[in-house]
Amino acid sequence: MNAFSLTYRNGRKFSRRRERQMAFLKALGETGSVAHAAAIVDVDRTTPYTWRNTLPGFASAWEAALAEAATRPRRRAYFAMAPDRMNDRQLMHVLGKFSRRHSRA
């Protein structure tokens, strides 16, 4: 993943925040989910959106992380019910997730 500038508009730098941002981008590249990546890094799920809107270069690194996540193999679908008890609603939910993930690639 490319390094990006984490200097704020007023010129200050935050090293601990930078570590969290880099950890978030790594987790985003692995999971493809903003909420899940934020939980891994232990930040509120809205914080990365603030970073994306505030920091120059973070949005492009965000997109690169999502592109990396799109190339990773997906986990097998998990069904809470027994396979012989699947219903149409559950099938449409799984197919919708599959369609959204592949439309990003």
C-alpha atoms as a PDB file:
ATOM      1  CA  MET A   1       0.000   0.000   0.000  1.00  0.00           C
ATOM      2  CA  ASN A   2       1.364   3.424  -0.850  1.00  0.00           C
ATOM      3  CA  ALA A   3       2.386   5.816   1.886  1.00  0.00           C
ATOM      4  CA  PHE A   4       0.439   9.036   1.944  1.00  0.00           C
ATOM      5  CA  SER A   5       0.805  12.425   3.583  1.00  0.00           C
ATOM      6  CA  LEU A   6      -0.782  12.633   7.009  1.00  0.00           C
ATOM      7  CA  THR A   7       0.095  16.261   7.605  1.00  0.00           C
ATOM      8  CA  TYR A   8      -2.965  18.228   8.570  1.00  0.00           C
ATOM      9  CA  ARG A   9      -3.834  21.514   6.901  1.00  0.00           C
ATOM     10  CA  ASN A  10      -2.259  23.489   9.746  1.00  0.00           C
ATOM     11  CA  GLY A  11       0.996  21.543   9.330  1.00  0.00           C
ATOM     12  CA  ARG A  12       0.820  19.455  12.520  1.00  0.00           C
ATOM     13  CA  LYS A  13       1.582  15.772  12.516  1.00  0.00           C
ATOM     14  CA  PHE A  14       0.173  13.125  14.804  1.00  0.00           C
ATOM     15  CA  SER A  15       2.325  10.022  15.035  1.00  0.00           C
ATOM     16  CA  ARG A  16      -0.049   7.943  17.180  1.00  0.00           C
ATOM     17  CA  ARG A  17      -2.948   8.881  14.952  1.00  0.00           C
ATOM     18  CA  ARG A  18      -0.823   8.028  11.923  1.00  0.00           C
ATOM     19  CA  GLU A  19      -0.215   4.549  13.335  1.00  0.00           C
ATOM     20  CA  ARG A  20      -3.959   4.050  13.765  1.00  0.00           C
ATOM     21  CA  GLN A  21      -4.663   5.321  10.281  1.00  0.00           C
ATOM     22  CA  MET A  22      -2.103   2.983   8.753  1.00  0.00           C
ATOM     23  CA  ALA A  23      -3.474   0.081  10.819  1.00  0.00           C
ATOM     24  CA  PHE A  24      -6.984   0.983   9.654  1.00  0.00           C
ATOM     25  CA  LEU A  25      -5.917   0.989   5.998  1.00  0.00           C
ATOM     26  CA  LYS A  26      -4.229  -2.394   6.450  1.00  0.00           C
ATOM     27  CA  ALA A  27      -7.364  -3.822   8.094  1.00  0.00           C
ATOM     28  CA  LEU A  28      -9.542  -2.281   5.381  1.00  0.00           C
ATOM     29  CA  GLY A  29      -7.384  -3.955   2.745  1.00  0.00           C
ATOM     30  CA  GLU A  30      -7.821  -7.287   4.506  1.00  0.00           C
ATOM     31  CA  THR A  31     -11.531  -7.093   5.323  1.00  0.00           C
ATOM     32  CA  GLY A  32     -13.059  -4.728   2.768  1.00  0.00           C
ATOM     33  CA  SER A  33     -15.396  -3.435   5.487  1.00  0.00           C
ATOM     34  CA  VAL A  34     -14.995   0.021   7.026  1.00  0.00           C
ATOM     35  CA  ALA A  35     -16.944  -0.878  10.170  1.00  0.00           C
ATOM     36  CA  HIS A  36     -15.002  -4.107  10.684  1.00  0.00           C
ATOM     37  CA  ALA A  37     -11.638  -2.425  10.060  1.00  0.00           C
ATOM     38  CA  ALA A  38     -12.534   0.371  12.501  1.00  0.00           C
ATOM     39  CA  ALA A  39     -13.447  -2.214  15.137  1.00  0.00           C
ATOM     40  CA  ILE A  40     -10.107  -3.986  14.633  1.00  0.00           C
ATOM     41  CA  VAL A  41      -8.212  -0.709  15.152  1.00  0.00           C
ATOM     42  CA  ASP A  42     -10.541   0.259  18.037  1.00  0.00           C
ATOM     43  CA  VAL A  43     -11.844   3.552  16.656  1.00  0.00           C
ATOM     44  CA  ASP A  44     -15.403   4.699  16.168  1.00  0.00           C
ATOM     45  CA  ARG A  45     -16.756   3.667  12.776  1.00  0.00           C
ATOM     46  CA  THR A  46     -17.277   7.313  11.779  1.00  0.00           C
ATOM     47  CA  THR A  47     -13.669   8.349  12.502  1.00  0.00           C
ATOM     48  CA  PRO A  48     -12.195   6.921   9.270  1.00  0.00           C
ATOM     49  CA  TYR A  49     -14.712   8.953   7.264  1.00  0.00           C
ATOM     50  CA  THR A  50     -13.464  12.090   9.054  1.00  0.00           C
ATOM     51  CA  TRP A  51      -9.886  11.116   8.222  1.00  0.00           C
ATOM     52  CA  ARG A  52     -10.869  10.587   4.600  1.00  0.00           C
ATOM     53  CA  ASN A  53     -12.473  14.037   4.374  1.00  0.00           C
ATOM     54  CA  THR A  54      -9.703  15.831   6.302  1.00  0.00           C
ATOM     55  CA  LEU A  55      -6.405  14.291   5.240  1.00  0.00           C
ATOM     56  CA  PRO A  56      -4.935  14.767   1.787  1.00  0.00           C
ATOM     57  CA  GLY A  57      -4.103  11.424   0.252  1.00  0.00           C
ATOM     58  CA  PHE A  58      -6.120   9.332   2.700  1.00  0.00           C
ATOM     59  CA  ALA A  59      -9.027   8.985   0.255  1.00  0.00           C
ATOM     60  CA  SER A  60      -6.754   7.586  -2.458  1.00  0.00           C
ATOM     61  CA  ALA A  61      -5.141   5.202   0.045  1.00  0.00           C
ATOM     62  CA  TRP A  62      -8.674   4.199   1.112  1.00  0.00           C
ATOM     63  CA  GLU A  63      -9.590   3.366  -2.493  1.00  0.00           C
ATOM     64  CA  ALA A  64      -6.346   1.425  -2.912  1.00  0.00           C
ATOM     65  CA  ALA A  65      -7.147  -0.588   0.223  1.00  0.00           C
ATOM     66  CA  LEU A  66     -10.640  -1.388  -1.078  1.00  0.00           C
ATOM     67  CA  ALA A  67      -9.163  -2.422  -4.421  1.00  0.00           C
ATOM     68  CA  GLU A  68      -6.746  -4.702  -2.583  1.00  0.00           C
ATOM     69  CA  ALA A  69      -9.622  -6.187  -0.593  1.00  0.00           C
ATOM     70  CA  ALA A  70     -11.529  -6.873  -3.815  1.00  0.00           C
ATOM     71  CA  THR A  71      -8.677  -9.072  -5.055  1.00  0.00           C
ATOM     72  CA  ARG A  72      -8.545 -11.190  -1.898  1.00  0.00           C
ATOM     73  CA  PRO A  73     -10.398 -14.491  -1.840  1.00  0.00           C
ATOM     74  CA  ARG A  74     -13.658 -14.290   0.045  1.00  0.00           C
ATOM     75  CA  ARG A  75     -14.634 -16.441   2.952  1.00  0.00           C
ATOM     76  CA  ARG A  76     -17.190 -19.105   2.306  1.00  0.00           C
ATOM     77  CA  ALA A  77     -20.743 -18.083   3.016  1.00  0.00           C
ATOM     78  CA  TYR A  78     -21.924 -18.867   6.510  1.00  0.00           C
ATOM     79  CA  PHE A  79     -25.468 -20.046   6.904  1.00  0.00           C
ATOM     80  CA  ALA A  80     -27.066 -19.867  10.332  1.00  0.00           C
ATOM     81  CA  MET A  81     -29.629 -22.468   9.354  1.00  0.00           C
ATOM     82  CA  ALA A  82     -29.075 -25.948   8.070  1.00  0.00           C
ATOM     83  CA  PRO A  83     -28.435 -26.039   4.296  1.00  0.00           C
ATOM     84  CA  ASP A  84     -31.631 -28.013   3.737  1.00  0.00           C
ATOM     85  CA  ARG A  85     -33.672 -25.258   5.415  1.00  0.00           C
ATOM     86  CA  MET A  86     -32.584 -22.302   3.277  1.00  0.00           C
ATOM     87  CA  ASN A  87     -35.271 -19.881   2.258  1.00  0.00           C
ATOM     88  CA  ASP A  88     -35.626 -17.402  -0.596  1.00  0.00           C
ATOM     89  CA  ARG A  89     -34.999 -14.344   1.572  1.00  0.00           C
ATOM     90  CA  GLN A  90     -31.692 -15.705   2.839  1.00  0.00           C
ATOM     91  CA  LEU A  91     -30.640 -16.677  -0.674  1.00  0.00           C
ATOM     92  CA  MET A  92     -31.413 -13.181  -2.001  1.00  0.00           C
ATOM     93  CA  HIS A  93     -29.377 -11.662   0.844  1.00  0.00           C
ATOM     94  CA  VAL A  94     -26.330 -13.804   0.015  1.00  0.00           C
ATOM     95  CA  LEU A  95     -26.649 -13.132  -3.715  1.00  0.00           C
ATOM     96  CA  GLY A  96     -26.982  -9.391  -3.078  1.00  0.00           C
ATOM     97  CA  LYS A  97     -23.735  -9.350  -1.078  1.00  0.00           C
ATOM     98  CA  PHE A  98     -22.018 -11.340  -3.810  1.00  0.00           C
ATOM     99  CA  SER A  99     -23.250  -8.935  -6.486  1.00  0.00           C
ATOM    100  CA  ARG A 100     -22.163  -5.812  -4.566  1.00  0.00           C
ATOM    101  CA  ARG A 101     -18.686  -7.192  -3.927  1.00  0.00           C
ATOM    102  CA  HIS A 102     -18.103  -8.118  -7.551  1.00  0.00           C
ATOM    103  CA  SER A 103     -19.454  -4.844  -8.910  1.00  0.00           C
ATOM    104  CA  ARG A 104     -16.652  -3.009  -7.015  1.00  0.00           C
ATOM    105  CA  ALA A 105     -13.932  -5.037  -8.692  1.00  0.00           C
END
